[in-house]
Every structure is written in structure tokens, then in C-alpha cells.
Protein backbone atom coordinates (compact mmCIF):
# COMPACT_ATOMS: atom_id res chain seq x y z
CA UNK A 1 56.54 -159.05 55.53
CA UNK A 2 57.70 -157.76 52.14
CA UNK A 3 55.25 -158.23 49.28
CA UNK A 4 56.42 -158.12 45.67
CA UNK A 5 53.64 -157.65 43.16
CA UNK A 6 53.83 -158.48 39.46
CA UNK A 7 51.20 -156.18 37.91
CA UNK A 8 48.85 -157.06 35.06
CA UNK A 9 50.42 -154.29 32.98
CA UNK A 10 53.92 -155.65 33.52
CA UNK A 11 56.57 -154.83 30.94
CA UNK A 12 60.21 -155.76 30.50
CA UNK A 13 61.21 -152.38 31.92
CA UNK A 14 59.02 -152.92 35.00
CA UNK A 15 60.62 -156.31 35.60
CA UNK A 16 64.02 -154.62 35.32
CA UNK A 17 62.94 -152.15 38.02
CA UNK A 18 61.91 -155.02 40.31
CA UNK A 19 65.21 -156.75 39.59
CA UNK A 20 67.16 -153.63 40.55
CA UNK A 21 65.11 -153.18 43.71
CA UNK A 22 65.17 -156.75 45.01
CA UNK A 23 68.13 -158.49 43.37
CA UNK A 24 70.81 -155.98 42.42
CA UNK A 25 70.81 -154.36 45.87
CA UNK A 26 72.56 -157.47 47.16
CA UNK A 27 70.08 -157.80 50.02
CA UNK A 28 68.75 -161.21 51.00
CA UNK A 29 65.19 -161.03 52.24
CA UNK A 30 64.41 -163.63 54.85
CA UNK A 31 60.75 -163.92 53.98
CA UNK A 32 58.52 -162.38 51.35
CA UNK A 33 55.26 -162.85 49.51
CA UNK A 34 54.96 -162.88 45.72
CA UNK A 35 51.74 -161.69 44.11
CA UNK A 36 50.95 -162.91 40.58
CA UNK A 37 48.22 -161.51 38.30
CA UNK A 38 45.54 -163.66 36.71
CA UNK A 39 46.73 -162.46 33.29
CA UNK A 40 48.97 -159.96 31.50
CA UNK A 41 47.47 -156.97 29.73
CA UNK A 42 50.00 -157.35 26.92
CA UNK A 43 52.79 -159.75 26.01
CA UNK A 44 55.93 -158.66 24.18
CA UNK A 45 58.95 -160.61 22.98
CA UNK A 46 61.23 -161.56 25.89
CA UNK A 47 58.77 -160.93 28.70
CA UNK A 48 58.49 -164.54 29.87
CA UNK A 49 62.26 -165.03 29.98
CA UNK A 50 62.79 -161.89 32.05
CA UNK A 51 59.96 -162.78 34.45
CA UNK A 52 61.27 -166.31 34.98
CA UNK A 53 64.79 -164.98 35.49
CA UNK A 54 63.50 -162.64 38.19
CA UNK A 55 61.42 -165.25 40.04
CA UNK A 56 64.06 -168.01 39.79
CA UNK A 57 66.79 -165.70 41.08
CA UNK A 58 64.57 -164.26 43.80
CA UNK A 59 63.85 -167.82 44.95
CA UNK A 60 67.56 -168.52 45.47
CA UNK A 61 68.12 -165.34 47.49
CA UNK A 62 64.98 -165.29 49.62
CA UNK A 63 62.30 -167.44 51.09
CA UNK A 64 59.15 -166.92 49.01
CA UNK A 65 56.83 -167.85 51.83
CA UNK A 66 53.51 -167.31 50.06
CA UNK A 67 52.39 -166.93 46.47
CA UNK A 68 49.25 -164.82 46.16
CA UNK A 69 46.94 -165.29 43.18
CA UNK A 70 45.61 -161.77 42.67
CA UNK A 71 42.05 -162.88 41.93
CA UNK A 72 39.35 -165.14 43.25
CA UNK A 73 40.11 -168.86 43.02
CA UNK A 74 36.97 -169.24 40.90
CA UNK A 75 38.92 -167.52 38.10
CA UNK A 76 41.95 -169.79 38.25
CA UNK A 77 41.37 -171.05 34.69
CA UNK A 78 42.40 -167.68 33.26
CA UNK A 79 45.64 -167.92 35.23
CA UNK A 80 46.51 -171.23 33.55
CA UNK A 81 45.96 -169.67 30.14
CA UNK A 82 49.11 -167.65 30.87
CA UNK A 83 52.56 -168.96 29.95
CA UNK A 84 54.07 -168.03 33.30
CA UNK A 85 51.59 -169.91 35.53
CA UNK A 86 52.73 -173.52 35.28
CA UNK A 87 56.52 -172.97 35.48
CA UNK A 88 56.35 -170.55 38.43
CA UNK A 89 53.93 -172.70 40.43
CA UNK A 90 56.07 -175.77 39.63
CA UNK A 91 59.24 -174.04 40.79
CA UNK A 92 57.74 -173.01 44.15
CA UNK A 93 55.49 -176.03 44.71
CA UNK A 94 57.49 -177.67 47.50
CA UNK A 95 58.45 -174.51 49.39
CA UNK A 96 55.62 -171.96 49.24
CA UNK A 97 52.03 -171.62 50.39
CA UNK A 98 49.47 -170.55 47.78
CA UNK A 99 46.46 -168.34 48.49
CA UNK A 100 44.00 -166.23 46.51
CA UNK A 101 43.27 -162.54 47.07
CA UNK A 102 40.77 -163.48 49.81
CA UNK A 103 43.47 -165.35 51.75
CA UNK A 104 41.93 -168.73 50.86
CA UNK A 105 44.35 -171.66 50.60
CA UNK A 106 44.21 -172.75 46.96
CA UNK A 107 46.92 -175.42 46.83
CA UNK A 108 44.47 -178.29 46.34
CA UNK A 109 42.89 -176.43 43.42
CA UNK A 110 46.31 -175.66 42.00
CA UNK A 111 47.27 -179.34 42.26
CA UNK A 112 44.28 -180.15 40.06
CA UNK A 113 45.19 -177.46 37.53
CA UNK A 114 48.88 -178.39 37.54
CA UNK A 115 48.01 -182.01 36.76
CA UNK A 116 45.62 -180.95 33.98
CA UNK A 117 48.25 -178.71 32.42
CA UNK A 118 50.93 -181.39 32.65
CA UNK A 119 48.66 -183.88 30.89
CA UNK A 120 48.03 -181.32 28.12
CA UNK A 121 51.75 -180.79 27.58
CA UNK A 122 52.50 -184.50 27.69
CA UNK A 123 49.77 -185.32 25.17
CA UNK A 124 50.57 -182.32 22.92
CA UNK A 125 47.06 -180.95 23.43
CA UNK A 126 46.07 -177.40 22.54
CA UNK A 127 46.88 -174.54 24.88
CA UNK A 128 45.16 -171.17 24.58
CA UNK A 129 46.58 -168.72 22.04
CA UNK A 130 49.20 -168.97 19.30
CA UNK A 131 51.80 -170.22 21.75
CA UNK A 132 53.02 -173.37 23.45
CA UNK A 133 55.16 -174.17 26.48
CA UNK A 134 56.83 -177.34 27.70
CA UNK A 135 58.15 -177.38 31.27
CA UNK A 136 60.09 -180.17 32.97
CA UNK A 137 60.05 -180.12 36.77
CA UNK A 138 62.93 -182.14 38.18
CA UNK A 139 61.91 -182.06 41.85
CA UNK A 140 58.57 -183.76 41.18
CA UNK A 141 58.12 -187.50 40.42
CA UNK A 142 59.00 -188.30 36.80
CA UNK A 143 55.42 -189.29 36.03
CA UNK A 144 54.27 -185.80 37.03
CA UNK A 145 57.28 -183.71 36.09
CA UNK A 146 59.02 -184.80 32.88
CA UNK A 147 57.66 -184.32 29.37
CA UNK A 148 58.01 -187.63 27.56
CA UNK A 149 58.63 -185.99 24.18
CA UNK A 150 62.02 -184.93 25.54
CA UNK A 151 62.87 -187.31 28.38
CA UNK A 152 62.16 -190.70 29.91
CA UNK A 153 63.69 -192.97 32.53
CA UNK A 154 66.66 -193.60 30.23
CA UNK A 155 67.49 -189.93 29.83
CA UNK A 156 67.03 -187.42 27.03
CA UNK A 157 65.24 -188.47 23.85
CA UNK A 158 68.04 -188.52 21.28
CA UNK A 159 65.62 -189.00 18.37
CA UNK A 160 65.82 -185.58 16.73
CA UNK A 161 63.40 -186.54 13.96
CA UNK A 162 60.70 -187.54 16.44
CA UNK A 163 61.05 -184.21 18.23
CA UNK A 164 60.95 -182.39 14.88
CA UNK A 165 57.75 -184.11 13.74
CA UNK A 166 55.99 -183.32 16.99
CA UNK A 167 57.09 -179.70 16.74
CA UNK A 168 55.52 -179.69 13.25
CA UNK A 169 52.22 -180.88 14.75
CA UNK A 170 52.26 -178.11 17.38
CA UNK A 171 52.98 -175.39 14.84
CA UNK A 172 50.51 -176.68 12.24
CA UNK A 173 47.65 -177.18 14.66
CA UNK A 174 48.15 -174.57 17.38
CA UNK A 175 50.62 -171.80 16.52
CA UNK A 176 50.39 -171.03 12.79
CA UNK A 177 46.65 -171.40 12.60
CA UNK A 178 45.39 -168.44 10.58
CA UNK A 179 47.80 -167.99 7.67
CA UNK A 180 48.49 -170.79 5.19
CA UNK A 181 51.49 -168.96 3.76
CA UNK A 182 53.18 -169.12 7.14
CA UNK A 183 52.59 -172.87 7.20
CA UNK A 184 54.15 -173.26 3.76
CA UNK A 185 57.17 -171.25 4.83
CA UNK A 186 57.41 -173.20 8.07
CA UNK A 187 57.85 -176.43 6.10
CA UNK A 188 61.00 -174.87 4.69
CA UNK A 189 62.37 -174.01 8.12
CA UNK A 190 61.04 -177.04 10.01
CA UNK A 191 64.46 -178.70 10.06
CA UNK A 192 65.94 -175.51 11.49
CA UNK A 193 63.30 -175.09 14.19
CA UNK A 194 63.42 -178.79 15.06
CA UNK A 195 67.21 -178.62 15.38
CA UNK A 196 67.01 -175.51 17.59
CA UNK A 197 64.54 -177.19 19.94
CA UNK A 198 66.48 -180.45 19.99
CA UNK A 199 69.84 -178.82 20.67
CA UNK A 200 68.71 -176.37 23.30
CA UNK A 201 66.44 -178.73 25.26
CA UNK A 202 69.29 -181.24 25.18
CA UNK A 203 71.52 -178.58 26.71
CA UNK A 204 69.09 -177.99 29.58
CA UNK A 205 69.11 -181.74 30.27
CA UNK A 206 72.90 -181.86 30.32
CA UNK A 207 73.60 -178.53 32.04
CA UNK A 208 70.53 -177.34 33.92
CA UNK A 209 69.71 -180.03 36.46
CA UNK A 210 72.84 -179.97 38.60
CA UNK A 211 75.24 -177.42 40.05
CA UNK A 212 78.96 -177.02 39.34
CA UNK A 213 79.68 -180.06 41.57
CA UNK A 214 77.11 -182.21 39.74
CA UNK A 215 74.78 -182.08 42.76
CA UNK A 216 71.08 -181.93 41.91
CA UNK A 217 69.52 -178.50 42.30
CA UNK A 218 66.72 -178.59 44.94
CA UNK A 219 64.08 -176.82 42.83
CA UNK A 220 64.71 -177.22 39.12
CA UNK A 221 62.58 -176.31 36.13
CA UNK A 222 63.59 -176.46 32.47
CA UNK A 223 61.56 -175.74 29.40
CA UNK A 224 60.93 -174.40 25.92
CA UNK A 225 58.38 -171.80 24.88
CA UNK A 226 57.10 -170.85 21.42
CA UNK A 227 55.01 -167.82 20.52
CA UNK A 228 53.88 -166.44 17.18
CA UNK A 229 53.87 -162.63 17.00
CA UNK A 230 52.04 -160.43 14.51
CA UNK A 231 52.52 -156.66 14.73
CA UNK A 232 52.66 -153.49 12.71
CA UNK A 233 56.32 -152.69 12.22
CA UNK A 234 55.83 -149.22 13.75
CA UNK A 235 54.33 -150.80 16.87
CA UNK A 236 57.28 -153.15 17.18
CA UNK A 237 59.78 -150.33 16.78
CA UNK A 238 58.02 -148.26 19.44
CA UNK A 239 58.02 -151.21 21.85
CA UNK A 240 61.75 -151.81 21.52
CA UNK A 241 63.17 -148.31 21.10
CA UNK A 242 66.62 -147.99 22.72
CA UNK A 243 67.15 -151.77 22.63
CA UNK A 244 69.05 -154.00 20.18
CA UNK A 245 65.69 -155.37 18.95
CA UNK A 246 64.93 -151.95 17.49
CA UNK A 247 68.11 -152.06 15.40
CA UNK A 248 67.32 -155.62 14.30
CA UNK A 249 63.89 -154.67 12.96
CA UNK A 250 65.35 -151.61 11.22
CA UNK A 251 67.58 -153.72 8.94
CA UNK A 252 66.91 -153.23 5.22
CA UNK A 253 66.69 -157.04 5.01
CA UNK A 254 63.64 -156.99 7.30
CA UNK A 255 62.07 -154.06 5.48
CA UNK A 256 62.55 -155.67 2.06
CA UNK A 257 61.74 -159.29 2.89
CA UNK A 258 59.57 -159.51 6.00
CA UNK A 259 56.81 -156.89 5.75
CA UNK A 260 53.44 -157.55 4.12
CA UNK A 261 51.20 -155.10 2.29
CA UNK A 262 49.76 -153.91 5.62
CA UNK A 263 53.25 -153.14 6.94
CA UNK A 264 52.96 -156.03 9.38
CA UNK A 265 55.72 -158.36 10.43
CA UNK A 266 55.23 -161.95 11.56
CA UNK A 267 57.93 -163.45 13.77
CA UNK A 268 58.54 -166.41 15.99
CA UNK A 269 59.83 -166.30 19.56
CA UNK A 270 61.60 -169.33 20.99
CA UNK A 271 62.73 -169.30 24.62
CA UNK A 272 64.68 -172.13 26.22
CA UNK A 273 65.20 -171.78 29.95
CA UNK A 274 66.53 -173.60 32.98
CA UNK A 275 66.93 -172.73 36.65
CA UNK A 276 70.47 -174.11 36.90
CA UNK A 277 73.65 -172.36 38.01
CA UNK A 278 74.35 -170.86 34.59
CA UNK A 279 77.14 -171.17 32.05
CA UNK A 280 79.91 -169.57 34.06
CA UNK A 281 79.65 -171.57 37.30
CA UNK A 282 79.01 -174.76 35.31
CA UNK A 283 82.05 -174.48 33.06
CA UNK A 284 84.47 -172.40 35.11
CA UNK A 285 88.06 -173.62 34.93
CA UNK A 286 91.06 -172.13 36.64
CA UNK A 287 93.19 -170.18 34.24
CA UNK A 288 93.11 -166.97 32.34
CA UNK A 289 89.63 -167.28 30.85
CA UNK A 290 87.31 -164.39 31.55
CA UNK A 291 83.61 -164.90 32.27
CA UNK A 292 82.84 -163.67 28.78
CA UNK A 293 85.31 -166.20 27.37
CA UNK A 294 83.39 -168.97 29.14
CA UNK A 295 80.15 -167.88 27.50
CA UNK A 296 81.90 -167.78 24.14
CA UNK A 297 83.36 -171.26 24.65
CA UNK A 298 79.81 -172.54 25.11
CA UNK A 299 79.11 -171.26 21.60
CA UNK A 300 82.05 -173.08 20.02
CA UNK A 301 81.59 -176.59 18.63
CA UNK A 302 82.72 -179.52 20.82
CA UNK A 303 83.73 -177.42 23.82
CA UNK A 304 81.15 -178.64 26.32
CA UNK A 305 81.38 -181.99 28.04
CA UNK A 306 78.62 -184.48 28.63
CA UNK A 307 78.11 -187.52 30.84
CA UNK A 308 74.60 -188.20 29.56
CA UNK A 309 73.20 -190.91 27.32
CA UNK A 310 73.86 -188.74 24.28
CA UNK A 311 76.69 -190.04 22.13
CA UNK A 312 76.15 -188.04 18.95
CA UNK A 313 76.30 -184.32 18.19
CA UNK A 314 77.86 -183.77 21.61
CA UNK A 315 78.87 -180.17 22.21
CA UNK A 316 77.42 -178.87 18.93
CA UNK A 317 74.33 -177.17 20.36
CA UNK A 318 74.95 -173.44 20.44
CA UNK A 319 77.35 -173.40 17.50
CA UNK A 320 74.65 -175.13 15.47
CA UNK A 321 72.06 -172.59 16.57
CA UNK A 322 74.18 -169.67 15.38
CA UNK A 323 74.57 -171.36 11.99
CA UNK A 324 70.83 -171.94 11.71
CA UNK A 325 70.00 -168.31 12.53
CA UNK A 326 72.76 -166.92 10.32
CA UNK A 327 71.74 -163.94 8.14
CA UNK A 328 68.13 -163.98 9.41
CA UNK A 329 67.76 -164.24 13.18
CA UNK A 330 68.57 -162.83 16.59
CA UNK A 331 69.68 -164.60 19.77
CA UNK A 332 69.94 -163.28 23.32
CA UNK A 333 71.62 -165.18 26.18
CA UNK A 334 71.12 -164.29 29.84
CA UNK A 335 73.25 -166.08 32.41
CA UNK A 336 75.06 -165.12 35.62
CA UNK A 337 75.66 -161.33 35.48
CA UNK A 338 75.56 -161.16 31.70
CA UNK A 339 73.00 -160.36 29.05
CA UNK A 340 74.57 -160.76 25.61
CA UNK A 341 73.22 -160.97 22.10
CA UNK A 342 74.09 -161.60 18.50
CA UNK A 343 72.26 -159.92 15.63
CA UNK A 344 72.90 -162.42 12.85
CA UNK A 345 71.73 -160.14 10.08
CA UNK A 346 74.25 -157.48 11.04
CA UNK A 347 77.03 -159.84 12.11
CA UNK A 348 77.16 -162.98 9.98
CA UNK A 349 78.41 -165.98 11.92
CA UNK A 350 81.52 -167.90 10.96
CA UNK A 351 82.90 -170.75 13.08
CA UNK A 352 86.01 -169.69 14.95
CA UNK A 353 89.13 -171.28 16.38
CA UNK A 354 88.85 -171.92 20.14
CA UNK A 355 92.21 -170.19 20.52
CA UNK A 356 90.80 -167.02 18.96
CA UNK A 357 87.77 -166.25 21.10
CA UNK A 358 88.12 -162.54 20.37
CA UNK A 359 86.94 -163.36 16.84
CA UNK A 360 83.54 -164.49 18.16
CA UNK A 361 81.44 -161.38 18.39
CA UNK A 362 78.92 -160.93 21.16
CA UNK A 363 77.39 -157.62 22.18
CA UNK A 364 76.24 -156.27 25.53
CA UNK A 365 72.45 -155.96 25.71
CA UNK A 366 72.87 -153.15 28.24
CA UNK A 367 75.34 -151.29 26.01
CA UNK A 368 77.75 -150.97 28.94
CA UNK A 369 80.85 -152.72 27.59
CA UNK A 370 80.00 -155.86 29.62
CA UNK A 371 80.50 -154.05 32.92
CA UNK A 372 78.91 -156.01 35.77
CA UNK A 373 79.31 -153.36 38.48
CA UNK A 374 76.17 -153.24 40.63
CA UNK A 375 74.73 -156.30 38.87
CA UNK A 376 73.97 -159.34 41.02
CA UNK A 377 74.46 -162.84 39.69
CA UNK A 378 71.25 -164.35 38.39
CA UNK A 379 70.23 -167.99 38.63
CA UNK A 380 69.51 -169.96 35.49
CA UNK A 381 70.14 -169.66 31.77
CA UNK A 382 67.76 -168.09 29.26
CA UNK A 383 68.30 -168.35 25.52
CA UNK A 384 65.83 -166.27 23.54
CA UNK A 385 65.53 -166.46 19.76
CA UNK A 386 63.73 -164.18 17.33
CA UNK A 387 63.04 -165.63 13.89
CA UNK A 388 61.21 -163.37 11.39
CA UNK A 389 59.00 -164.86 8.68
CA UNK A 390 59.31 -163.71 5.11
CA UNK A 391 56.76 -161.36 3.61
CA UNK A 392 53.28 -162.74 2.91
CA UNK A 393 52.87 -160.57 -0.20
């Protein structure tokens, strides 16, 4: 039996190594065990998205027979303080066994903790840390799987203002808790953040629940994650050396507008994820379009179709996000074999003609000219946003 262990000191580079070892080889493992730590030693921007991408893709290629909690069940509370716990357990709930490090069956205890966590999300109660996660689980009953802020029996909640006001509550009370200046600035960007959450969670509802033939995906999770980061700029640069994030934080704009007197930078991470088939399989059409063209079309206004209850703003999601982040933010999209990004300080966004997709600039996160040789197709879509706050001087 193969055992894959996610260590406490996991990093994005370590997840990439696991991905190369167990996904990019093209091998399908009949059975395996997945070991999860009770906590992470350190969290950095993008870590949750990469971990979920790995586990979701692994689950489509292999049978994750057992999930091992690498601690005693008595310490399960610390596990549920981690952003990865609820979505991973939800994804594997119907197909995997769950044990602790002593080989004790802990599914009944996990059921209790899953229900507690779901109630917290549904009631907008505090979670530990300056972070928040919402996760919809489509393969569970609606009363135990869908967050009512975003969805109900009639479909997606098309009241953008209601979503925005509840996002304000979460940020005011749980995320931006120690700096009043951040709260004041947040009031100025609340419409932007509310629109980002509305548009991207709407997209997961429309795109993430079914495959390319509109058949429901057997194990489906969708969600949105917020985290407030505070770091010395030198620490951030060291963490992201040789990545596009390094270049983003080196912009004169960031240096002049986003550092305080202690040389610290405050920034917001927003991740929207789903375990669906991804942009390319979902929107593939016969013709001359390349895979990269399909991703670009998803970023162009009114190019995506919808059969949902949503009658307004249809197809505007990702185009609207690029406009919101223009001149100040960063967005990374992972789907299928691709990991692309747009640095919107360096490359200002202008809406483009659908017939001129070459005018829409995206860059390859791996700096490999979008080559997908030796890269296996991943499951799901992961849109990760970095939004820096202005200086607190």
C-alpha cells in the first residue's frame, strides 16, 4: 500500500514535488493512503490552492482508501483550526476510511467536527485566525453541504449586496481585527471584494458542479477562502524568489504605496476553488481554438453560457475581476495542464475583442512558454488573488 504524507512543514515546492511524483508520472495507483498533519508549521500565499489541487486530482486518478490523521484523535480540534481540514474531509467523506495515528477509526468524531464546522460557516461564526473559508459540498444533503449565504434550493443567491454586506461582517469582525486603518481602507474596496466573491462563487455554481456533458460530478466541493497576511517585505521576497510573486512585490508601486514604517506589507489572499473538470473540458468547442484560447475566452465578457437561475451579469465574472484588480492586484489561474497569471500592476488590463485573443496577455507561471510536456491534467479550477493594502503610514 502506497502512503502519501503531507508534512507539517509543507511548502508550495514540496507539494510540487509530490505532484511530480504521483500525478505527472501518469501512473494510476489502485489504492493508497493519505496522511494529513494536525497543523502546518507555516502558511504562505497559495499553499491551500496547491494542496487542494493535489488532493482533488489525486482523488480522480487513484482510490484514496484511507485518510490518516497524523495525531491522536484527542487533538482533532487543532486539525479543524486548519483551512485544509474541512474541504479535504468533505471531498473524501463518501469514499475513504478515516483513522488516527494509532489506527483508531475516527469517522464518528469527524462527523461531529464536520457538522460543527458547517454550522459555523453557515452562521458566519468566527474561525481561528485572520482567515475564513466557505466550502460547499455537493454530494452531501443540501442541509449539510450548501452554505446558505451563496445557495439555496432555488439555486445561487443572486443578491450581490447581501453577499457584500456579509463579507463586510467577516472582514470587520474576524479578518481585519488588529488595525483600524485596514478597516477604513477596506470600506473603500468593499464593493470590489464583494464583487470578486460574488462573481467567482457564481462561476463555481455554474461551472464546477457538472462535467462537460452536464453530468453531476460524484464528489464535488466548491469554495472561497480569505486570509490576511502581514510580513516584512524582505521575508516575502525570500519566500517567493524565482516566482512571479517576487516580481510583483518588487514593483515601485508596492514599494512607494504599500509598505509601512516597519517595512511591512499587508495583503489579502482570496482563493476560489472547485473540483470540477476545469475550463478547457467545460468550454471546449471543435475548431481552431487552442487550450490557451479557451482560458482567455473565459476572461472575456459575455463568452460563457449559463443555464442557471442567474439572468443578470451573465458571463461577466472574470472580465470584471480583471477590471477590479487593474493597476493594483495579481491573479493566478490553475486549470487542466495550465498555470497562468496576470500581474495587473505590470500589465494594465483593457477589454479586448473576442476575435483578437492574442491581445489578452497571460503569462506562464512556470516560465516555460506554456509547454505542457510531462504535465498531467489536473482536476478542478483554482483562481487565486493577491490584493495589497496601501501603506499604514
